[in-house]
Amino acid sequence: MQLGMVGLGKMGANMTTRLIGGGHGVVVYDRSADAVAHAAAGGATPANDLNDLVAKLNGSPRIVWIMVPSGKPTDETIDALASILAPGDIIIDGGNTNWKDGLAAYERCAAKHVHLIDAGTSGGVWGLAEGYCLMVGGDDAAVTTCEPIFRTLAPEKGYAHVGKAGAGHFSKMVHNGVEYGMLQAYGEGFEILESSPFDFDMQQLAELWCHGSVVRSWLLELAVLAFKADPKLDAIRGYVDDTGEGRWTVQAAIDQNVPAPAITLALLARFASRQDESFSAKVIAALRNQFGGHAVKPETHV
């Protein structure tokens, strides 16, 4: 089938390639002319803007998938498309949109009789080859119409219609919160190993744990690749960003009175990673010095 793809970053570009490989026709638009030209060289139909993209979509309903940054860029893109598309057409938001923002956008689209599907999309840069896990929320009829697209993008058993509008973004939010906790546990475990009196081969252990261990996972397989490329991780800075989903998961846990200490602490640990020297650590050190004379001078700190 045919669809439009708005946003040709790492995810959108690879999804476009996978869709074309699966026999779909894809009309593409991005603010970067180079990104559009690259997609066109791979078989996509280029568009100059959103109006041009919609005009090049044939048949009914017209379907447009957007992969743009969450927040204002997503809202503006959805609203612009909803004003161009006809009643019955479908917009799929595959970005990391806050589920509450997604529900508000769903209502705005519904007022114009345009369907909005929220498709939580996981897979990162590996999605092109491995497929994308798709958690899809939205009206039954619209989701069913788009299933050929979802099944092309996903690996076997990697797509599900998980509920009504908002369910896709909500489940992807929690998915990413769980990811925070898993990454933190792996990180802490390997740091304990690294600081032990034993000269562990981290790649060897990570690979060992991938076979038969209860902690095996795809993330652990990626750890094997990371240690293989850089055994001591000397070339990477220990700065860990967050894109919002972890914060939203913690807020949802608070709103729903659900204790989520592991995910919450994993989020806070990411904040700590961004500090060259924690001010709270300075306060603690200063207090220890006041009551016990425990002081480490800056010039002697290692």
Protein backbone atom coordinates (compact mmCIF):
# COMPACT_ATOMS: atom_id res chain seq x y z
CA MET A 1 0.00 0.00 0.00
CA GLN A 2 1.00 3.65 -0.17
CA LEU A 3 1.75 6.02 2.67
CA GLY A 4 3.55 9.24 3.45
CA MET A 5 6.55 9.45 5.82
CA VAL A 6 7.25 12.77 7.51
CA GLY A 7 10.61 12.90 9.31
CA LEU A 8 13.65 11.14 7.92
CA GLY A 9 15.98 10.92 10.90
CA LYS A 10 17.64 7.64 11.85
CA MET A 11 14.32 5.96 12.57
CA GLY A 12 12.18 7.48 9.83
CA ALA A 13 14.77 6.91 7.11
CA ASN A 14 15.31 3.26 8.04
CA MET A 15 11.57 2.65 8.35
CA THR A 16 11.13 4.09 4.87
CA THR A 17 13.76 1.70 3.52
CA ARG A 18 12.12 -1.28 5.22
CA LEU A 19 8.68 -0.31 3.90
CA ILE A 20 9.95 0.07 0.34
CA GLY A 21 11.67 -3.30 0.65
CA GLY A 22 8.32 -4.75 1.72
CA GLY A 23 6.62 -3.51 -1.44
CA HIS A 24 4.97 -0.34 -0.14
CA GLY A 25 5.05 3.00 -1.94
CA VAL A 26 6.36 5.78 0.29
CA VAL A 27 6.12 9.53 -0.30
CA VAL A 28 8.65 11.32 1.92
CA TYR A 29 9.14 14.79 3.36
CA ASP A 30 11.73 16.21 5.72
CA ARG A 31 13.01 19.72 6.34
CA SER A 32 16.40 18.42 5.20
CA ALA A 33 16.53 18.35 1.40
CA ASP A 34 19.51 15.99 1.62
CA ALA A 35 17.47 13.49 3.66
CA VAL A 36 14.67 13.61 1.09
CA ALA A 37 17.14 13.15 -1.77
CA HIS A 38 18.72 10.17 -0.02
CA ALA A 39 15.32 8.52 0.49
CA ALA A 40 14.38 9.24 -3.12
CA ALA A 41 17.58 7.54 -4.28
CA GLY A 42 16.36 4.47 -2.39
CA GLY A 43 13.02 4.39 -4.20
CA ALA A 44 10.84 6.84 -2.28
CA THR A 45 8.80 9.60 -3.92
CA PRO A 46 10.06 13.01 -2.78
CA ALA A 47 7.77 15.82 -1.64
CA ASN A 48 8.57 19.51 -1.24
CA ASP A 49 6.27 20.10 1.75
CA LEU A 50 3.28 18.60 3.56
CA ASN A 51 0.81 19.84 0.93
CA ASP A 52 2.87 18.24 -1.81
CA LEU A 53 3.15 14.99 0.15
CA VAL A 54 -0.62 14.72 0.66
CA ALA A 55 -1.25 15.59 -3.01
CA LYS A 56 0.98 12.71 -4.10
CA LEU A 57 -0.91 10.15 -2.02
CA ASN A 58 -3.43 8.18 -4.06
CA GLY A 59 -6.53 6.31 -2.99
CA SER A 60 -8.55 6.51 0.18
CA PRO A 61 -7.91 6.63 3.02
CA ARG A 62 -4.62 8.45 2.72
CA ILE A 63 -2.12 7.45 5.40
CA VAL A 64 0.71 9.59 6.77
CA TRP A 65 3.25 8.34 9.32
CA ILE A 66 5.16 11.01 11.25
CA MET A 67 8.53 10.52 12.97
CA VAL A 68 9.44 13.96 14.30
CA PRO A 69 10.62 15.12 17.75
CA SER A 70 8.00 14.96 20.49
CA GLY A 71 6.26 18.04 21.82
CA LYS A 72 5.66 21.12 19.70
CA PRO A 73 7.12 19.69 16.44
CA THR A 74 4.78 16.70 16.62
CA ASP A 75 1.73 18.78 17.57
CA GLU A 76 2.36 21.26 14.77
CA THR A 77 2.85 18.49 12.21
CA ILE A 78 -0.31 16.66 13.26
CA ASP A 79 -2.39 19.85 13.19
CA ALA A 80 -1.01 20.86 9.79
CA LEU A 81 -1.78 17.45 8.31
CA ALA A 82 -5.25 17.33 9.86
CA SER A 83 -6.09 20.59 8.12
CA ILE A 84 -4.97 19.19 4.74
CA LEU A 85 -6.26 15.63 4.87
CA ALA A 86 -9.84 14.61 4.15
CA PRO A 87 -12.32 12.99 6.56
CA GLY A 88 -11.45 9.32 7.01
CA ASP A 89 -7.73 9.79 6.34
CA ILE A 90 -5.22 8.48 8.89
CA ILE A 91 -2.22 9.95 10.69
CA ILE A 92 0.17 7.62 12.55
CA ASP A 93 2.37 9.16 15.24
CA GLY A 94 5.33 6.85 15.75
CA GLY A 95 7.40 9.23 17.87
CA ASN A 96 7.93 9.35 21.62
CA THR A 97 4.93 11.56 22.33
CA ASN A 98 3.67 12.04 25.87
CA TRP A 99 0.49 9.95 25.98
CA LYS A 100 -1.55 12.86 27.38
CA ASP A 101 -0.41 15.10 24.52
CA GLY A 102 -1.29 12.26 22.16
CA LEU A 103 -4.84 12.05 23.51
CA ALA A 104 -5.29 15.80 23.08
CA ALA A 105 -4.08 15.52 19.48
CA TYR A 106 -6.45 12.58 18.93
CA GLU A 107 -9.39 14.75 19.98
CA ARG A 108 -8.30 17.60 17.70
CA CYS A 109 -8.05 15.20 14.77
CA ALA A 110 -11.38 13.57 15.62
CA ALA A 111 -13.03 16.99 15.43
CA LYS A 112 -11.93 17.07 11.78
CA HIS A 113 -12.91 13.41 11.25
CA VAL A 114 -9.28 12.42 10.74
CA HIS A 115 -8.03 9.29 12.52
CA LEU A 116 -4.93 9.51 14.71
CA ILE A 117 -3.11 6.29 15.62
CA ASP A 118 -0.38 6.27 18.26
CA ALA A 119 2.28 3.70 17.44
CA GLY A 120 4.90 3.22 20.13
CA THR A 121 7.97 2.23 18.13
CA SER A 122 11.01 0.44 19.55
CA GLY A 123 14.02 -0.87 17.68
CA GLY A 124 16.42 2.01 17.24
CA VAL A 125 19.06 1.80 14.55
CA TRP A 126 18.70 -2.00 14.48
CA GLY A 127 15.08 -1.81 13.33
CA LEU A 128 15.93 -1.79 9.64
CA ALA A 129 17.42 -5.27 9.80
CA GLU A 130 15.64 -6.75 12.83
CA GLY A 131 12.25 -5.03 12.58
CA TYR A 132 10.47 -2.67 14.95
CA CYS A 133 8.40 -3.60 17.97
CA LEU A 134 5.11 -1.74 17.51
CA MET A 135 2.67 -0.99 20.34
CA VAL A 136 -0.34 0.47 18.56
CA GLY A 137 -3.25 2.38 20.05
CA GLY A 138 -6.26 3.73 18.19
CA ASP A 139 -9.68 3.06 16.70
CA ASP A 140 -10.17 -0.52 15.50
CA ALA A 141 -11.09 0.29 11.90
CA ALA A 142 -8.17 2.65 11.34
CA VAL A 143 -5.66 0.24 12.90
CA THR A 144 -6.96 -2.65 10.80
CA THR A 145 -6.57 -0.56 7.64
CA CYS A 146 -2.91 0.10 8.50
CA GLU A 147 -2.00 -3.45 9.54
CA PRO A 148 -0.10 -4.25 6.31
CA ILE A 149 2.24 -1.37 7.18
CA PHE A 150 2.68 -2.49 10.77
CA ARG A 151 3.35 -6.10 9.79
CA THR A 152 6.01 -5.03 7.29
CA LEU A 153 7.82 -2.92 9.86
CA ALA A 154 7.61 -5.44 12.69
CA PRO A 155 9.28 -8.84 13.05
CA GLU A 156 7.08 -11.87 13.59
CA LYS A 157 4.96 -11.32 16.74
CA GLY A 158 6.44 -7.81 17.02
CA TYR A 159 3.20 -5.90 16.42
CA ALA A 160 0.03 -5.68 18.52
CA HIS A 161 -3.00 -3.44 18.73
CA VAL A 162 -2.74 -2.84 22.47
CA GLY A 163 -5.82 -0.69 23.06
CA LYS A 164 -7.71 2.50 22.39
CA ALA A 165 -6.14 5.87 21.56
CA GLY A 166 -3.27 6.64 23.93
CA ALA A 167 -2.51 3.00 24.75
CA GLY A 168 0.36 2.85 22.25
CA HIS A 169 2.19 5.87 23.65
CA PHE A 170 1.50 4.81 27.25
CA SER A 171 2.86 1.29 26.77
CA LYS A 172 5.93 2.63 24.95
CA MET A 173 6.51 5.05 27.82
CA VAL A 174 6.50 2.21 30.34
CA HIS A 175 8.64 0.09 27.99
CA ASN A 176 11.28 2.82 28.07
CA GLY A 177 11.00 3.15 31.84
CA VAL A 178 11.72 -0.57 32.15
CA GLU A 179 14.65 -0.06 29.78
CA TYR A 180 16.05 2.59 32.16
CA GLY A 181 16.01 0.09 35.02
CA MET A 182 17.61 -2.70 32.98
CA LEU A 183 20.38 -0.46 31.68
CA GLN A 184 21.11 0.81 35.19
CA ALA A 185 21.33 -2.73 36.59
CA TYR A 186 23.73 -3.82 33.85
CA GLY A 187 25.82 -0.68 34.31
CA GLU A 188 26.10 -1.13 38.06
CA GLY A 189 26.88 -4.84 37.73
CA PHE A 190 29.72 -4.29 35.30
CA GLU A 191 31.12 -1.48 37.46
CA ILE A 192 31.24 -3.84 40.45
CA LEU A 193 33.06 -6.38 38.28
CA GLU A 194 35.46 -3.73 36.97
CA SER A 195 36.37 -2.54 40.48
CA SER A 196 36.82 -6.06 41.90
CA PRO A 197 40.21 -7.67 42.68
CA PHE A 198 39.75 -9.89 39.62
CA ASP A 199 40.84 -9.06 36.09
CA PHE A 200 37.55 -9.90 34.40
CA ASP A 201 37.19 -9.93 30.63
CA MET A 202 33.93 -7.96 30.34
CA GLN A 203 33.21 -9.15 26.82
CA GLN A 204 33.68 -12.75 27.89
CA LEU A 205 31.32 -12.40 30.85
CA ALA A 206 28.70 -10.49 28.89
CA GLU A 207 28.76 -13.13 26.16
CA LEU A 208 28.67 -15.93 28.73
CA TRP A 209 25.57 -14.44 30.33
CA CYS A 210 23.83 -14.41 26.95
CA HIS A 211 23.65 -18.22 26.99
CA GLY A 212 21.31 -19.88 29.45
CA SER A 213 21.50 -17.13 32.07
CA VAL A 214 18.35 -15.63 33.58
CA VAL A 215 19.75 -12.14 32.85
CA ARG A 216 20.26 -12.73 29.13
CA SER A 217 18.72 -10.09 26.85
CA TRP A 218 19.26 -8.16 23.64
CA LEU A 219 20.73 -5.33 25.72
CA LEU A 220 23.33 -7.78 27.02
CA GLU A 221 24.12 -8.81 23.45
CA LEU A 222 24.74 -5.13 22.72
CA ALA A 223 27.07 -5.01 25.74
CA VAL A 224 29.11 -7.78 24.10
CA LEU A 225 29.48 -5.62 20.99
CA ALA A 226 30.39 -2.56 23.05
CA PHE A 227 33.11 -4.38 25.03
CA LYS A 228 34.42 -6.00 21.87
CA ALA A 229 34.86 -2.60 20.22
CA ASP A 230 36.30 -0.89 23.32
CA PRO A 231 37.17 -3.30 26.19
CA LYS A 232 37.67 -0.54 28.79
CA LEU A 233 35.09 1.86 27.27
CA ASP A 234 37.83 4.50 27.16
CA ALA A 235 36.39 6.17 24.07
CA ILE A 236 32.96 6.90 25.55
CA ARG A 237 31.98 9.54 28.09
CA GLY A 238 29.79 8.47 31.00
CA TYR A 239 27.07 11.00 30.19
CA VAL A 240 23.59 9.51 29.90
CA ASP A 241 20.78 11.62 28.47
CA ASP A 242 17.04 10.99 28.78
CA THR A 243 14.38 11.75 26.21
CA GLY A 244 11.40 12.12 28.53
CA GLU A 245 9.82 8.67 28.74
CA GLY A 246 11.58 7.77 31.99
CA ARG A 247 10.35 10.97 33.64
CA TRP A 248 6.82 10.36 32.36
CA THR A 249 6.87 6.76 33.62
CA VAL A 250 7.89 7.91 37.09
CA GLN A 251 5.17 10.58 37.03
CA ALA A 252 2.59 7.98 35.97
CA ALA A 253 3.69 5.75 38.84
CA ILE A 254 3.22 8.65 41.26
CA ASP A 255 -0.18 9.55 39.77
CA GLN A 256 -1.34 5.93 40.02
CA ASN A 257 0.17 5.27 43.47
CA VAL A 258 2.43 2.55 42.09
CA PRO A 259 5.81 2.10 43.83
CA ALA A 260 8.54 2.13 41.17
CA PRO A 261 11.83 2.59 43.04
CA ALA A 262 14.08 0.87 40.48
CA ILE A 263 12.89 2.94 37.53
CA THR A 264 12.90 6.14 39.61
CA LEU A 265 16.45 5.61 40.84
CA ALA A 266 17.59 4.70 37.32
CA LEU A 267 16.26 8.05 36.13
CA LEU A 268 18.02 9.91 38.95
CA ALA A 269 21.24 8.07 38.16
CA ARG A 270 21.08 9.52 34.64
CA PHE A 271 20.95 12.99 36.15
CA ALA A 272 24.00 12.19 38.27
CA SER A 273 25.90 11.07 35.17
CA ARG A 274 25.75 14.61 33.78
CA GLN A 275 27.63 16.19 36.66
CA ASP A 276 31.40 16.46 36.50
CA GLU A 277 31.31 16.78 40.26
CA SER A 278 28.05 16.50 42.16
CA PHE A 279 27.27 19.45 44.41
CA SER A 280 25.44 17.10 46.76
CA ALA A 281 28.66 15.10 47.05
CA LYS A 282 30.46 18.33 47.90
CA VAL A 283 27.91 19.04 50.66
CA ILE A 284 28.27 15.53 52.08
CA ALA A 285 32.06 15.79 51.96
CA ALA A 286 31.94 19.19 53.68
CA LEU A 287 29.68 17.88 56.47
CA ARG A 288 31.87 14.81 57.00
CA ASN A 289 34.83 17.13 57.30
CA GLN A 290 32.99 19.25 59.88
CA PHE A 291 32.10 16.40 62.19
CA GLY A 292 34.93 13.99 61.56
CA GLY A 293 37.77 15.78 59.88
CA HIS A 294 37.30 13.73 56.72
CA ALA A 295 38.45 16.01 53.93
CA VAL A 296 39.79 15.34 50.43
CA LYS A 297 41.42 18.42 48.95
CA PRO A 298 40.61 19.14 45.28
CA GLU A 299 44.23 18.90 44.27
CA THR A 300 44.56 15.43 45.85
CA HIS A 301 41.25 14.08 44.56
CA VAL A 302 41.57 11.30 42.03
